[in-house]
Amino acid sequence: MIGWAVTFLVVALIAALLGFGGIAGTAMEAAKVVFFVAIALFLISAVFGVMRGRSPRL
């Protein structure tokens, strides 16, 4: 999911450089949403992993 967030960020930056403000704003909002969803899913999986007693695999 972080890859999607980075992709939307790059699209937003390129659109902003080319002067497409509406597309840049939409892509930036999508990047923010995907990023925060990815962080939330990571935290949920970390909490469930701790509750199950597993140590994190590195």
Protein backbone atom coordinates (compact mmCIF):
# COMPACT_ATOMS: atom_id res chain seq x y z
CA MET A 1 0.00 0.00 0.00
CA ILE A 2 2.89 2.32 0.62
CA GLY A 3 3.81 1.79 -3.03
CA TRP A 4 0.39 3.10 -4.06
CA ALA A 5 0.82 6.13 -1.83
CA VAL A 6 4.19 6.90 -3.40
CA THR A 7 2.70 6.44 -6.88
CA PHE A 8 -0.10 8.92 -6.15
CA LEU A 9 2.45 11.33 -4.69
CA VAL A 10 4.59 11.19 -7.83
CA VAL A 11 1.51 11.70 -10.03
CA ALA A 12 0.53 14.70 -7.91
CA LEU A 13 3.99 16.24 -8.16
CA ILE A 14 4.18 15.78 -11.93
CA ALA A 15 0.66 17.17 -12.38
CA ALA A 16 1.53 20.18 -10.23
CA LEU A 17 4.67 20.86 -12.27
CA LEU A 18 2.62 20.74 -15.46
CA GLY A 19 -0.04 23.07 -14.07
CA PHE A 20 -2.89 20.64 -13.55
CA GLY A 21 -3.95 21.85 -10.10
CA GLY A 22 -7.18 19.85 -9.84
CA ILE A 23 -5.55 16.56 -10.73
CA ALA A 24 -2.60 17.30 -8.44
CA GLY A 25 -4.91 18.00 -5.50
CA THR A 26 -6.93 14.86 -6.08
CA ALA A 27 -3.84 12.69 -6.39
CA MET A 28 -2.36 14.22 -3.22
CA GLU A 29 -5.55 13.49 -1.26
CA ALA A 30 -5.58 9.92 -2.56
CA ALA A 31 -1.94 9.52 -1.51
CA LYS A 32 -2.77 10.75 2.01
CA VAL A 33 -5.76 8.43 2.36
CA VAL A 34 -3.85 5.37 1.15
CA PHE A 35 -0.90 6.21 3.41
CA PHE A 36 -3.03 6.52 6.54
CA VAL A 37 -4.96 3.34 5.71
CA ALA A 38 -1.64 1.50 5.35
CA ILE A 39 -0.45 2.85 8.72
CA ALA A 40 -3.74 1.85 10.39
CA LEU A 41 -3.56 -1.68 8.97
CA PHE A 42 0.05 -2.00 10.12
CA LEU A 43 -0.86 -0.94 13.65
CA ILE A 44 -3.83 -3.32 13.77
CA SER A 45 -1.69 -6.24 12.62
CA ALA A 46 1.02 -5.31 15.14
CA VAL A 47 -1.51 -5.26 18.00
CA PHE A 48 -2.96 -8.63 16.99
CA GLY A 49 0.55 -10.05 16.66
CA VAL A 50 1.40 -8.94 20.19
CA MET A 51 -1.89 -10.30 21.51
CA ARG A 52 -1.17 -13.71 19.96
CA GLY A 53 2.25 -13.77 21.59
CA ARG A 54 4.29 -13.92 18.42
CA SER A 55 7.53 -12.04 18.17
CA PRO A 56 7.93 -9.89 15.06
CA ARG A 57 9.91 -11.42 12.23
CA LEU A 58 12.65 -9.21 10.89
